[in-house]
């Protein structure tokens, strides 16, 4: 989970990451939303929230969260957000958007192996 990069440990972010790792996306979403309510919108938290939303089946919400995550100054967050946007587009057979998203991922992180594989 990318939001764990935060300099100080945040109990909601940590609990959200643990819930997501345990497969409980609804619970993770609750924790990430609490972190956002306290800290404000951060692209890193939006990325994590996008993963949780995917887990709940809210793909449109996930797409919006990943779009916000793609605005991060951090290359790894931008790359991961674009990669997930590519996956969402791929799953709906929106090939042009998937290709564009994977290319954006690779611009941020040229060694992103999964994006290279999916783009091929």
PDB file of N, CA and C in Angstrom:
ATOM      1  N   UNK A   1       0.847  -1.164   0.000  1.00  0.00           N
ATOM      2  CA  UNK A   1       0.000   0.000   0.000  1.00  0.00           C
ATOM      3  C   UNK A   1       0.898   1.234   0.000  1.00  0.00           C
ATOM      4  N   UNK A   2       0.647   2.129  -0.917  1.00  0.00           N
ATOM      5  CA  UNK A   2       1.521   3.281  -1.082  1.00  0.00           C
ATOM      6  C   UNK A   2       1.374   4.339  -0.003  1.00  0.00           C
ATOM      7  N   UNK A   3       0.224   4.431   0.626  1.00  0.00           N
ATOM      8  CA  UNK A   3       0.041   5.488   1.619  1.00  0.00           C
ATOM      9  C   UNK A   3       0.918   5.288   2.841  1.00  0.00           C
ATOM     10  N   UNK A   4       1.499   4.109   3.008  1.00  0.00           N
ATOM     11  CA  UNK A   4       2.356   3.881   4.169  1.00  0.00           C
ATOM     12  C   UNK A   4       3.654   4.672   4.088  1.00  0.00           C
ATOM     13  N   UNK A   5       3.880   5.375   2.985  1.00  0.00           N
ATOM     14  CA  UNK A   5       5.068   6.221   2.859  1.00  0.00           C
ATOM     15  C   UNK A   5       5.000   7.423   3.791  1.00  0.00           C
ATOM     16  N   UNK A   6       3.822   7.721   4.298  1.00  0.00           N
ATOM     17  CA  UNK A   6       3.691   8.904   5.147  1.00  0.00           C
ATOM     18  C   UNK A   6       4.733   8.875   6.261  1.00  0.00           C
ATOM     19  N   UNK A   7       5.323  10.020   6.507  1.00  0.00           N
ATOM     20  CA  UNK A   7       6.441  10.098   7.451  1.00  0.00           C
ATOM     21  C   UNK A   7       6.062   9.590   8.831  1.00  0.00           C
ATOM     22  N   UNK A   8       4.898   9.931   9.299  1.00  0.00           N
ATOM     23  CA  UNK A   8       4.484   9.442  10.613  1.00  0.00           C
ATOM     24  C   UNK A   8       3.505   8.294  10.407  1.00  0.00           C
ATOM     25  N   UNK A   9       3.516   7.381  11.296  1.00  0.00           N
ATOM     26  CA  UNK A   9       2.572   6.283  11.222  1.00  0.00           C
ATOM     27  C   UNK A   9       1.189   6.816  11.532  1.00  0.00           C
ATOM     28  N   UNK A  10       0.237   6.430  10.711  1.00  0.00           N
ATOM     29  CA  UNK A  10      -1.138   6.838  10.925  1.00  0.00           C
ATOM     30  C   UNK A  10      -1.952   5.578  11.178  1.00  0.00           C
ATOM     31  N   UNK A  11      -2.659   5.563  12.275  1.00  0.00           N
ATOM     32  CA  UNK A  11      -3.377   4.349  12.657  1.00  0.00           C
ATOM     33  C   UNK A  11      -4.456   3.975  11.644  1.00  0.00           C
ATOM     34  N   UNK A  12      -5.146   4.964  11.074  1.00  0.00           N
ATOM     35  CA  UNK A  12      -6.176   4.642  10.086  1.00  0.00           C
ATOM     36  C   UNK A  12      -5.573   4.096   8.798  1.00  0.00           C
ATOM     37  N   UNK A  13      -4.475   4.683   8.350  1.00  0.00           N
ATOM     38  CA  UNK A  13      -3.818   4.194   7.134  1.00  0.00           C
ATOM     39  C   UNK A  13      -3.300   2.780   7.367  1.00  0.00           C
ATOM     40  N   UNK A  14      -2.653   2.576   8.510  1.00  0.00           N
ATOM     41  CA  UNK A  14      -2.138   1.238   8.821  1.00  0.00           C
ATOM     42  C   UNK A  14      -3.269   0.210   8.907  1.00  0.00           C
ATOM     43  N   UNK A  15      -4.363   0.584   9.569  1.00  0.00           N
ATOM     44  CA  UNK A  15      -5.493  -0.334   9.705  1.00  0.00           C
ATOM     45  C   UNK A  15      -6.146  -0.588   8.351  1.00  0.00           C
ATOM     46  N   UNK A  16      -6.227   0.435   7.507  1.00  0.00           N
ATOM     47  CA  UNK A  16      -6.784   0.259   6.166  1.00  0.00           C
ATOM     48  C   UNK A  16      -5.925  -0.664   5.328  1.00  0.00           C
ATOM     49  N   UNK A  17      -4.617  -0.489   5.406  1.00  0.00           N
ATOM     50  CA  UNK A  17      -3.703  -1.358   4.658  1.00  0.00           C
ATOM     51  C   UNK A  17      -3.823  -2.807   5.133  1.00  0.00           C
ATOM     52  N   UNK A  18      -3.934  -2.991   6.441  1.00  0.00           N
ATOM     53  CA  UNK A  18      -4.074  -4.354   6.990  1.00  0.00           C
ATOM     54  C   UNK A  18      -5.399  -4.975   6.566  1.00  0.00           C
ATOM     55  N   UNK A  19      -6.470  -4.198   6.607  1.00  0.00           N
ATOM     56  CA  UNK A  19      -7.777  -4.720   6.196  1.00  0.00           C
ATOM     57  C   UNK A  19      -7.768  -5.086   4.721  1.00  0.00           C
ATOM     58  N   UNK A  20      -7.140  -4.267   3.902  1.00  0.00           N
ATOM     59  CA  UNK A  20      -7.062  -4.561   2.470  1.00  0.00           C
ATOM     60  C   UNK A  20      -6.238  -5.820   2.228  1.00  0.00           C
ATOM     61  N   UNK A  21      -5.144  -5.959   2.959  1.00  0.00           N
ATOM     62  CA  UNK A  21      -4.319  -7.164   2.836  1.00  0.00           C
ATOM     63  C   UNK A  21      -5.082  -8.415   3.266  1.00  0.00           C
ATOM     64  N   UNK A  22      -6.007  -8.247   4.211  1.00  0.00           N
ATOM     65  CA  UNK A  22      -6.823  -9.373   4.680  1.00  0.00           C
ATOM     66  C   UNK A  22      -8.032  -9.626   3.788  1.00  0.00           C
ATOM     67  N   UNK A  23      -8.211  -8.798   2.744  1.00  0.00           N
ATOM     68  CA  UNK A  23      -9.315  -8.986   1.824  1.00  0.00           C
ATOM     69  C   UNK A  23     -10.620  -8.340   2.237  1.00  0.00           C
ATOM     70  N   UNK A  24     -10.576  -7.461   3.228  1.00  0.00           N
ATOM     71  CA  UNK A  24     -11.788  -6.787   3.687  1.00  0.00           C
ATOM     72  C   UNK A  24     -11.791  -5.356   3.157  1.00  0.00           C
ATOM     73  N   UNK A  25     -12.221  -5.202   1.902  1.00  0.00           N
ATOM     74  CA  UNK A  25     -12.188  -3.907   1.231  1.00  0.00           C
ATOM     75  C   UNK A  25     -13.126  -2.896   1.879  1.00  0.00           C
ATOM     76  N   UNK A  26     -14.277  -3.344   2.334  1.00  0.00           N
ATOM     77  CA  UNK A  26     -15.229  -2.421   2.987  1.00  0.00           C
ATOM     78  C   UNK A  26     -14.608  -1.807   4.236  1.00  0.00           C
ATOM     79  N   UNK A  27     -13.986  -2.639   5.042  1.00  0.00           N
ATOM     80  CA  UNK A  27     -13.347  -2.158   6.267  1.00  0.00           C
ATOM     81  C   UNK A  27     -12.182  -1.229   5.925  1.00  0.00           C
ATOM     82  N   UNK A  28     -11.401  -1.597   4.903  1.00  0.00           N
ATOM     83  CA  UNK A  28     -10.283  -0.759   4.483  1.00  0.00           C
ATOM     84  C   UNK A  28     -10.779   0.612   4.047  1.00  0.00           C
ATOM     85  N   UNK A  29     -11.862   0.633   3.303  1.00  0.00           N
ATOM     86  CA  UNK A  29     -12.430   1.890   2.835  1.00  0.00           C
ATOM     87  C   UNK A  29     -12.820   2.792   3.998  1.00  0.00           C
ATOM     88  N   UNK A  30     -13.372   2.202   5.036  1.00  0.00           N
ATOM     89  CA  UNK A  30     -13.756   2.967   6.220  1.00  0.00           C
ATOM     90  C   UNK A  30     -12.534   3.642   6.841  1.00  0.00           C
ATOM     91  N   UNK A  31     -11.448   2.897   6.955  1.00  0.00           N
ATOM     92  CA  UNK A  31     -10.228   3.462   7.542  1.00  0.00           C
ATOM     93  C   UNK A  31      -9.613   4.535   6.639  1.00  0.00           C
ATOM     94  N   UNK A  32      -9.549   4.287   5.325  1.00  0.00           N
ATOM     95  CA  UNK A  32      -8.974   5.281   4.421  1.00  0.00           C
ATOM     96  C   UNK A  32      -9.811   6.551   4.403  1.00  0.00           C
ATOM     97  N   UNK A  33     -11.136   6.398   4.449  1.00  0.00           N
ATOM     98  CA  UNK A  33     -12.005   7.579   4.494  1.00  0.00           C
ATOM     99  C   UNK A  33     -11.778   8.379   5.777  1.00  0.00           C
ATOM    100  N   UNK A  34     -11.564   7.690   6.885  1.00  0.00           N
ATOM    101  CA  UNK A  34     -11.281   8.376   8.147  1.00  0.00           C
ATOM    102  C   UNK A  34      -9.956   9.135   8.064  1.00  0.00           C
ATOM    103  N   UNK A  35      -8.957   8.524   7.433  1.00  0.00           N
ATOM    104  CA  UNK A  35      -7.658   9.194   7.277  1.00  0.00           C
ATOM    105  C   UNK A  35      -7.806  10.437   6.405  1.00  0.00           C
ATOM    106  N   UNK A  36      -8.568  10.332   5.332  1.00  0.00           N
ATOM    107  CA  UNK A  36      -8.787  11.476   4.444  1.00  0.00           C
ATOM    108  C   UNK A  36      -9.554  12.580   5.176  1.00  0.00           C
ATOM    109  N   UNK A  37     -10.510  12.201   5.994  1.00  0.00           N
ATOM    110  CA  UNK A  37     -11.283  13.194   6.747  1.00  0.00           C
ATOM    111  C   UNK A  37     -10.378  13.995   7.677  1.00  0.00           C
ATOM    112  N   UNK A  38      -9.379  13.355   8.237  1.00  0.00           N
ATOM    113  CA  UNK A  38      -8.469  14.035   9.163  1.00  0.00           C
ATOM    114  C   UNK A  38      -7.353  14.778   8.454  1.00  0.00           C
ATOM    115  N   UNK A  39      -6.754  14.151   7.430  1.00  0.00           N
ATOM    116  CA  UNK A  39      -5.556  14.709   6.791  1.00  0.00           C
ATOM    117  C   UNK A  39      -5.843  15.472   5.508  1.00  0.00           C
ATOM    118  N   UNK A  40      -7.046  15.352   5.002  1.00  0.00           N
ATOM    119  CA  UNK A  40      -7.365  15.976   3.725  1.00  0.00           C
ATOM    120  C   UNK A  40      -7.023  15.038   2.582  1.00  0.00           C
ATOM    121  N   UNK A  41      -7.415  15.447   1.412  1.00  0.00           N
ATOM    122  CA  UNK A  41      -7.182  14.630   0.218  1.00  0.00           C
ATOM    123  C   UNK A  41      -5.699  14.616  -0.126  1.00  0.00           C
ATOM    124  N   UNK A  42      -5.150  13.438  -0.182  1.00  0.00           N
ATOM    125  CA  UNK A  42      -3.766  13.231  -0.604  1.00  0.00           C
ATOM    126  C   UNK A  42      -3.789  12.187  -1.712  1.00  0.00           C
ATOM    127  N   UNK A  43      -3.045  12.394  -2.791  1.00  0.00           N
ATOM    128  CA  UNK A  43      -3.065  11.417  -3.878  1.00  0.00           C
ATOM    129  C   UNK A  43      -2.719   9.998  -3.424  1.00  0.00           C
ATOM    130  N   UNK A  44      -1.847   9.892  -2.437  1.00  0.00           N
ATOM    131  CA  UNK A  44      -1.447   8.576  -1.955  1.00  0.00           C
ATOM    132  C   UNK A  44      -2.624   7.867  -1.288  1.00  0.00           C
ATOM    133  N   UNK A  45      -3.402   8.619  -0.532  1.00  0.00           N
ATOM    134  CA  UNK A  45      -4.587   8.039   0.097  1.00  0.00           C
ATOM    135  C   UNK A  45      -5.664   7.743  -0.942  1.00  0.00           C
ATOM    136  N   UNK A  46      -5.751   8.595  -1.961  1.00  0.00           N
ATOM    137  CA  UNK A  46      -6.714   8.325  -3.034  1.00  0.00           C
ATOM    138  C   UNK A  46      -6.370   7.025  -3.749  1.00  0.00           C
ATOM    139  N   UNK A  47      -5.075   6.779  -3.972  1.00  0.00           N
ATOM    140  CA  UNK A  47      -4.674   5.519  -4.598  1.00  0.00           C
ATOM    141  C   UNK A  47      -5.131   4.331  -3.744  1.00  0.00           C
ATOM    142  N   UNK A  48      -4.838   4.386  -2.458  1.00  0.00           N
ATOM    143  CA  UNK A  48      -5.238   3.293  -1.569  1.00  0.00           C
ATOM    144  C   UNK A  48      -6.756   3.145  -1.533  1.00  0.00           C
ATOM    145  N   UNK A  49      -7.444   4.271  -1.514  1.00  0.00           N
ATOM    146  CA  UNK A  49      -8.904   4.254  -1.527  1.00  0.00           C
ATOM    147  C   UNK A  49      -9.404   3.604  -2.821  1.00  0.00           C
ATOM    148  N   UNK A  50      -8.724   3.882  -3.934  1.00  0.00           N
ATOM    149  CA  UNK A  50      -9.081   3.261  -5.214  1.00  0.00           C
ATOM    150  C   UNK A  50      -8.978   1.750  -5.160  1.00  0.00           C
ATOM    151  N   UNK A  51      -7.938   1.247  -4.512  1.00  0.00           N
ATOM    152  CA  UNK A  51      -7.798  -0.208  -4.368  1.00  0.00           C
ATOM    153  C   UNK A  51      -8.957  -0.783  -3.561  1.00  0.00           C
ATOM    154  N   UNK A  52      -9.317  -0.095  -2.492  1.00  0.00           N
ATOM    155  CA  UNK A  52     -10.436  -0.557  -1.668  1.00  0.00           C
ATOM    156  C   UNK A  52     -11.746  -0.509  -2.458  1.00  0.00           C
ATOM    157  N   UNK A  53     -11.944   0.561  -3.214  1.00  0.00           N
ATOM    158  CA  UNK A  53     -13.159   0.668  -4.019  1.00  0.00           C
ATOM    159  C   UNK A  53     -13.233  -0.432  -5.072  1.00  0.00           C
ATOM    160  N   UNK A  54     -12.098  -0.774  -5.664  1.00  0.00           N
ATOM    161  CA  UNK A  54     -12.082  -1.901  -6.607  1.00  0.00           C
ATOM    162  C   UNK A  54     -12.536  -3.167  -5.899  1.00  0.00           C
ATOM    163  N   UNK A  55     -12.055  -3.347  -4.685  1.00  0.00           N
ATOM    164  CA  UNK A  55     -12.410  -4.532  -3.918  1.00  0.00           C
ATOM    165  C   UNK A  55     -13.882  -4.617  -3.573  1.00  0.00           C
ATOM    166  N   UNK A  56     -14.548  -3.463  -3.508  1.00  0.00           N
ATOM    167  CA  UNK A  56     -15.982  -3.460  -3.214  1.00  0.00           C
ATOM    168  C   UNK A  56     -16.820  -3.550  -4.485  1.00  0.00           C
ATOM    169  N   UNK A  57     -16.168  -3.458  -5.639  1.00  0.00           N
ATOM    170  CA  UNK A  57     -16.885  -3.511  -6.910  1.00  0.00           C
ATOM    171  C   UNK A  57     -17.294  -2.151  -7.444  1.00  0.00           C
ATOM    172  N   UNK A  58     -16.914  -1.071  -6.767  1.00  0.00           N
ATOM    173  CA  UNK A  58     -17.235   0.277  -7.222  1.00  0.00           C
ATOM    174  C   UNK A  58     -16.140   0.737  -8.188  1.00  0.00           C
ATOM    175  N   UNK A  59     -16.235   0.289  -9.425  1.00  0.00           N
ATOM    176  CA  UNK A  59     -15.179   0.556 -10.393  1.00  0.00           C
ATOM    177  C   UNK A  59     -15.142   2.013 -10.838  1.00  0.00           C
ATOM    178  N   UNK A  60     -16.294   2.670 -10.909  1.00  0.00           N
ATOM    179  CA  UNK A  60     -16.310   4.086 -11.274  1.00  0.00           C
ATOM    180  C   UNK A  60     -15.679   4.919 -10.157  1.00  0.00           C
ATOM    181  N   UNK A  61     -15.998   4.600  -8.917  1.00  0.00           N
ATOM    182  CA  UNK A  61     -15.369   5.285  -7.791  1.00  0.00           C
ATOM    183  C   UNK A  61     -13.873   5.042  -7.765  1.00  0.00           C
ATOM    184  N   UNK A  62     -13.462   3.804  -8.067  1.00  0.00           N
ATOM    185  CA  UNK A  62     -12.041   3.476  -8.115  1.00  0.00           C
ATOM    186  C   UNK A  62     -11.346   4.291  -9.194  1.00  0.00           C
ATOM    187  N   UNK A  63     -11.983   4.401 -10.346  1.00  0.00           N
ATOM    188  CA  UNK A  63     -11.399   5.172 -11.451  1.00  0.00           C
ATOM    189  C   UNK A  63     -11.163   6.618 -11.027  1.00  0.00           C
ATOM    190  N   UNK A  64     -12.143   7.226 -10.388  1.00  0.00           N
ATOM    191  CA  UNK A  64     -11.989   8.611  -9.932  1.00  0.00           C
ATOM    192  C   UNK A  64     -10.872   8.732  -8.901  1.00  0.00           C
ATOM    193  N   UNK A  65     -10.781   7.770  -7.995  1.00  0.00           N
ATOM    194  CA  UNK A  65      -9.731   7.795  -6.975  1.00  0.00           C
ATOM    195  C   UNK A  65      -8.349   7.648  -7.617  1.00  0.00           C
ATOM    196  N   UNK A  66      -8.224   6.747  -8.591  1.00  0.00           N
ATOM    197  CA  UNK A  66      -6.932   6.572  -9.265  1.00  0.00           C
ATOM    198  C   UNK A  66      -6.569   7.800 -10.089  1.00  0.00           C
ATOM    199  N   UNK A  67      -7.569   8.459 -10.665  1.00  0.00           N
ATOM    200  CA  UNK A  67      -7.285   9.699 -11.397  1.00  0.00           C
ATOM    201  C   UNK A  67      -6.699  10.741 -10.459  1.00  0.00           C
ATOM    202  N   UNK A  68      -7.235  10.839  -9.250  1.00  0.00           N
ATOM    203  CA  UNK A  68      -6.663  11.769  -8.262  1.00  0.00           C
ATOM    204  C   UNK A  68      -5.275  11.295  -7.833  1.00  0.00           C
ATOM    205  N   UNK A  69      -5.107   9.996  -7.683  1.00  0.00           N
ATOM    206  CA  UNK A  69      -3.797   9.455  -7.330  1.00  0.00           C
ATOM    207  C   UNK A  69      -2.746   9.736  -8.389  1.00  0.00           C
ATOM    208  N   UNK A  70      -3.176   9.806  -9.648  1.00  0.00           N
ATOM    209  CA  UNK A  70      -2.229  10.047 -10.741  1.00  0.00           C
ATOM    210  C   UNK A  70      -1.661  11.466 -10.719  1.00  0.00           C
ATOM    211  N   UNK A  71      -2.174  12.308  -9.846  1.00  0.00           N
ATOM    212  CA  UNK A  71      -1.680  13.683  -9.724  1.00  0.00           C
ATOM    213  C   UNK A  71      -0.600  13.824  -8.646  1.00  0.00           C
ATOM    214  N   UNK A  72      -0.177  12.715  -8.082  1.00  0.00           N
ATOM    215  CA  UNK A  72       0.825  12.745  -7.025  1.00  0.00           C
ATOM    216  C   UNK A  72       2.169  13.251  -7.546  1.00  0.00           C
ATOM    217  N   UNK A  73       2.916  13.965  -6.709  1.00  0.00           N
ATOM    218  CA  UNK A  73       4.281  14.323  -7.083  1.00  0.00           C
ATOM    219  C   UNK A  73       5.223  13.119  -7.017  1.00  0.00           C
ATOM    220  N   UNK A  74       4.786  12.070  -6.362  1.00  0.00           N
ATOM    221  CA  UNK A  74       5.607  10.852  -6.234  1.00  0.00           C
ATOM    222  C   UNK A  74       5.444   9.983  -7.477  1.00  0.00           C
ATOM    223  N   UNK A  75       6.555   9.608  -8.077  1.00  0.00           N
ATOM    224  CA  UNK A  75       6.526   8.812  -9.296  1.00  0.00           C
ATOM    225  C   UNK A  75       5.871   7.452  -9.078  1.00  0.00           C
ATOM    226  N   UNK A  76       6.131   6.822  -7.935  1.00  0.00           N
ATOM    227  CA  UNK A  76       5.578   5.484  -7.707  1.00  0.00           C
ATOM    228  C   UNK A  76       4.058   5.520  -7.580  1.00  0.00           C
ATOM    229  N   UNK A  77       3.544   6.568  -6.965  1.00  0.00           N
ATOM    230  CA  UNK A  77       2.093   6.701  -6.814  1.00  0.00           C
ATOM    231  C   UNK A  77       1.462   7.003  -8.169  1.00  0.00           C
ATOM    232  N   UNK A  78       2.089   7.929  -8.929  1.00  0.00           N
ATOM    233  CA  UNK A  78       1.575   8.230 -10.271  1.00  0.00           C
ATOM    234  C   UNK A  78       1.580   6.980 -11.136  1.00  0.00           C
ATOM    235  N   UNK A  79       2.686   6.253 -11.125  1.00  0.00           N
ATOM    236  CA  UNK A  79       2.791   5.054 -11.958  1.00  0.00           C
ATOM    237  C   UNK A  79       1.742   4.020 -11.563  1.00  0.00           C
ATOM    238  N   UNK A  80       1.608   3.761 -10.287  1.00  0.00           N
ATOM    239  CA  UNK A  80       0.640   2.760  -9.827  1.00  0.00           C
ATOM    240  C   UNK A  80      -0.789   3.176 -10.140  1.00  0.00           C
ATOM    241  N   UNK A  81      -1.077   4.460 -10.031  1.00  0.00           N
ATOM    242  CA  UNK A  81      -2.419   4.956 -10.343  1.00  0.00           C
ATOM    243  C   UNK A  81      -2.721   4.772 -11.826  1.00  0.00           C
ATOM    244  N   UNK A  82      -1.765   5.128 -12.676  1.00  0.00           N
ATOM    245  CA  UNK A  82      -1.970   4.947 -14.117  1.00  0.00           C
ATOM    246  C   UNK A  82      -2.082   3.459 -14.473  1.00  0.00           C
ATOM    247  N   UNK A  83      -1.307   2.639 -13.798  1.00  0.00           N
ATOM    248  CA  UNK A  83      -1.383   1.206 -14.049  1.00  0.00           C
ATOM    249  C   UNK A  83      -2.788   0.679 -13.735  1.00  0.00           C
ATOM    250  N   UNK A  84      -3.329   1.081 -12.600  1.00  0.00           N
ATOM    251  CA  UNK A  84      -4.677   0.632 -12.234  1.00  0.00           C
ATOM    252  C   UNK A  84      -5.724   1.200 -13.187  1.00  0.00           C
ATOM    253  N   UNK A  85      -5.549   2.443 -13.633  1.00  0.00           N
ATOM    254  CA  UNK A  85      -6.458   2.999 -14.636  1.00  0.00           C
ATOM    255  C   UNK A  85      -6.392   2.178 -15.922  1.00  0.00           C
ATOM    256  N   UNK A  86      -5.190   1.755 -16.277  1.00  0.00           N
ATOM    257  CA  UNK A  86      -5.040   0.886 -17.448  1.00  0.00           C
ATOM    258  C   UNK A  86      -5.767  -0.434 -17.265  1.00  0.00           C
ATOM    259  N   UNK A  87      -5.663  -1.001 -16.084  1.00  0.00           N
ATOM    260  CA  UNK A  87      -6.345  -2.270 -15.817  1.00  0.00           C
ATOM    261  C   UNK A  87      -7.862  -2.114 -15.886  1.00  0.00           C
ATOM    262  N   UNK A  88      -8.373  -1.013 -15.340  1.00  0.00           N
ATOM    263  CA  UNK A  88      -9.821  -0.775 -15.406  1.00  0.00           C
ATOM    264  C   UNK A  88     -10.273  -0.634 -16.858  1.00  0.00           C
ATOM    265  N   UNK A  89      -9.503   0.096 -17.655  1.00  0.00           N
ATOM    266  CA  UNK A  89      -9.840   0.255 -19.070  1.00  0.00           C
ATOM    267  C   UNK A  89      -9.731  -1.073 -19.804  1.00  0.00           C
ATOM    268  N   UNK A  90      -8.708  -1.836 -19.500  1.00  0.00           N
ATOM    269  CA  UNK A  90      -8.514  -3.148 -20.122  1.00  0.00           C
ATOM    270  C   UNK A  90      -9.713  -4.053 -19.843  1.00  0.00           C
ATOM    271  N   UNK A  91     -10.168  -4.060 -18.604  1.00  0.00           N
ATOM    272  CA  UNK A  91     -11.285  -4.928 -18.219  1.00  0.00           C
ATOM    273  C   UNK A  91     -12.585  -4.577 -18.930  1.00  0.00           C
ATOM    274  N   UNK A  92     -12.713  -3.322 -19.370  1.00  0.00           N
ATOM    275  CA  UNK A  92     -13.917  -2.918 -20.106  1.00  0.00           C
ATOM    276  C   UNK A  92     -13.652  -2.885 -21.618  1.00  0.00           C
ATOM    277  N   UNK A  93     -12.512  -3.435 -22.011  1.00  0.00           N
ATOM    278  CA  UNK A  93     -12.106  -3.512 -23.415  1.00  0.00           C
ATOM    279  C   UNK A  93     -11.985  -2.140 -24.077  1.00  0.00           C
ATOM    280  N   UNK A  94     -11.639  -1.140 -23.279  1.00  0.00           N
ATOM    281  CA  UNK A  94     -11.354   0.190 -23.794  1.00  0.00           C
ATOM    282  C   UNK A  94      -9.849   0.221 -24.086  1.00  0.00           C
ATOM    283  N   UNK A  95      -9.486  -0.380 -25.209  1.00  0.00           N
ATOM    284  CA  UNK A  95      -8.075  -0.643 -25.523  1.00  0.00           C
ATOM    285  C   UNK A  95      -7.262   0.634 -25.637  1.00  0.00           C
ATOM    286  N   UNK A  96      -7.805   1.668 -26.291  1.00  0.00           N
ATOM    287  CA  UNK A  96      -7.051   2.911 -26.450  1.00  0.00           C
ATOM    288  C   UNK A  96      -6.723   3.540 -25.102  1.00  0.00           C
ATOM    289  N   UNK A  97      -7.708   3.545 -24.206  1.00  0.00           N
ATOM    290  CA  UNK A  97      -7.464   4.114 -22.878  1.00  0.00           C
ATOM    291  C   UNK A  97      -6.488   3.250 -22.084  1.00  0.00           C
ATOM    292  N   UNK A  98      -6.604   1.938 -22.200  1.00  0.00           N
ATOM    293  CA  UNK A  98      -5.681   1.050 -21.498  1.00  0.00           C
ATOM    294  C   UNK A  98      -4.247   1.300 -21.956  1.00  0.00           C
ATOM    295  N   UNK A  99      -4.056   1.393 -23.267  1.00  0.00           N
ATOM    296  CA  UNK A  99      -2.721   1.638 -23.814  1.00  0.00           C
ATOM    297  C   UNK A  99      -2.185   2.980 -23.310  1.00  0.00           C
ATOM    298  N   UNK A 100      -3.022   4.014 -23.371  1.00  0.00           N
ATOM    299  CA  UNK A 100      -2.588   5.337 -22.921  1.00  0.00           C
ATOM    300  C   UNK A 100      -2.207   5.317 -21.434  1.00  0.00           C
ATOM    301  N   UNK A 101      -2.988   4.627 -20.628  1.00  0.00           N
ATOM    302  CA  UNK A 101      -2.698   4.570 -19.189  1.00  0.00           C
ATOM    303  C   UNK A 101      -1.420   3.798 -18.901  1.00  0.00           C
ATOM    304  N   UNK A 102      -1.213   2.679 -19.587  1.00  0.00           N
ATOM    305  CA  UNK A 102       0.019   1.911 -19.379  1.00  0.00           C
ATOM    306  C   UNK A 102       1.243   2.730 -19.816  1.00  0.00           C
ATOM    307  N   UNK A 103       1.106   3.493 -20.894  1.00  0.00           N
ATOM    308  CA  UNK A 103       2.214   4.345 -21.335  1.00  0.00           C
ATOM    309  C   UNK A 103       2.513   5.424 -20.299  1.00  0.00           C
ATOM    310  N   UNK A 104       1.458   6.005 -19.712  1.00  0.00           N
ATOM    311  CA  UNK A 104       1.668   7.001 -18.656  1.00  0.00           C
ATOM    312  C   UNK A 104       2.358   6.368 -17.452  1.00  0.00           C
ATOM    313  N   UNK A 105       1.988   5.156 -17.133  1.00  0.00           N
ATOM    314  CA  UNK A 105       2.638   4.432 -16.043  1.00  0.00           C
ATOM    315  C   UNK A 105       4.136   4.312 -16.328  1.00  0.00           C
ATOM    316  N   UNK A 106       4.451   3.926 -17.547  1.00  0.00           N
ATOM    317  CA  UNK A 106       5.857   3.730 -17.908  1.00  0.00           C
ATOM    318  C   UNK A 106       6.626   5.050 -17.992  1.00  0.00           C
ATOM    319  N   UNK A 107       5.947   6.138 -18.277  1.00  0.00           N
ATOM    320  CA  UNK A 107       6.622   7.448 -18.241  1.00  0.00           C
ATOM    321  C   UNK A 107       7.055   7.777 -16.814  1.00  0.00           C
ATOM    322  N   UNK A 108       6.208   7.423 -15.861  1.00  0.00           N
ATOM    323  CA  UNK A 108       6.528   7.693 -14.453  1.00  0.00           C
ATOM    324  C   UNK A 108       7.504   6.673 -13.893  1.00  0.00           C
ATOM    325  N   UNK A 109       7.402   5.439 -14.382  1.00  0.00           N
ATOM    326  CA  UNK A 109       8.249   4.352 -13.867  1.00  0.00           C
ATOM    327  C   UNK A 109       8.616   3.423 -15.021  1.00  0.00           C
ATOM    328  N   UNK A 110       9.692   3.739 -15.752  1.00  0.00           N
ATOM    329  CA  UNK A 110      10.056   2.977 -16.944  1.00  0.00           C
ATOM    330  C   UNK A 110      10.301   1.486 -16.710  1.00  0.00           C
ATOM    331  N   UNK A 111      10.570   1.094 -15.491  1.00  0.00           N
ATOM    332  CA  UNK A 111      10.848  -0.309 -15.197  1.00  0.00           C
ATOM    333  C   UNK A 111       9.637  -1.063 -14.654  1.00  0.00           C
ATOM    334  N   UNK A 112       8.442  -0.499 -14.777  1.00  0.00           N
ATOM    335  CA  UNK A 112       7.228  -1.136 -14.255  1.00  0.00           C
ATOM    336  C   UNK A 112       6.924  -2.367 -15.120  1.00  0.00           C
ATOM    337  N   UNK A 113       7.295  -3.538 -14.622  1.00  0.00           N
ATOM    338  CA  UNK A 113       7.201  -4.766 -15.411  1.00  0.00           C
ATOM    339  C   UNK A 113       5.765  -5.146 -15.776  1.00  0.00           C
ATOM    340  N   UNK A 114       4.838  -4.963 -14.861  1.00  0.00           N
ATOM    341  CA  UNK A 114       3.452  -5.330 -15.163  1.00  0.00           C
ATOM    342  C   UNK A 114       2.872  -4.453 -16.262  1.00  0.00           C
ATOM    343  N   UNK A 115       3.196  -3.167 -16.249  1.00  0.00           N
ATOM    344  CA  UNK A 115       2.710  -2.279 -17.308  1.00  0.00           C
ATOM    345  C   UNK A 115       3.331  -2.667 -18.646  1.00  0.00           C
ATOM    346  N   UNK A 116       4.623  -3.009 -18.638  1.00  0.00           N
ATOM    347  CA  UNK A 116       5.272  -3.456 -19.874  1.00  0.00           C
ATOM    348  C   UNK A 116       4.583  -4.714 -20.407  1.00  0.00           C
ATOM    349  N   UNK A 117       4.329  -5.647 -19.532  1.00  0.00           N
ATOM    350  CA  UNK A 117       3.686  -6.902 -19.923  1.00  0.00           C
ATOM    351  C   UNK A 117       2.297  -6.629 -20.495  1.00  0.00           C
ATOM    352  N   UNK A 118       1.509  -5.843 -19.803  1.00  0.00           N
ATOM    353  CA  UNK A 118       0.150  -5.568 -20.262  1.00  0.00           C
ATOM    354  C   UNK A 118       0.135  -4.773 -21.562  1.00  0.00           C
ATOM    355  N   UNK A 119       1.074  -3.885 -21.722  1.00  0.00           N
ATOM    356  CA  UNK A 119       1.152  -3.090 -22.941  1.00  0.00           C
ATOM    357  C   UNK A 119       1.512  -3.965 -24.153  1.00  0.00           C
ATOM    358  N   UNK A 120       2.349  -4.958 -23.918  1.00  0.00           N
ATOM    359  CA  UNK A 120       2.698  -5.875 -25.005  1.00  0.00           C
ATOM    360  C   UNK A 120       1.463  -6.606 -25.481  1.00  0.00           C
TER     361      UNK A 120
END
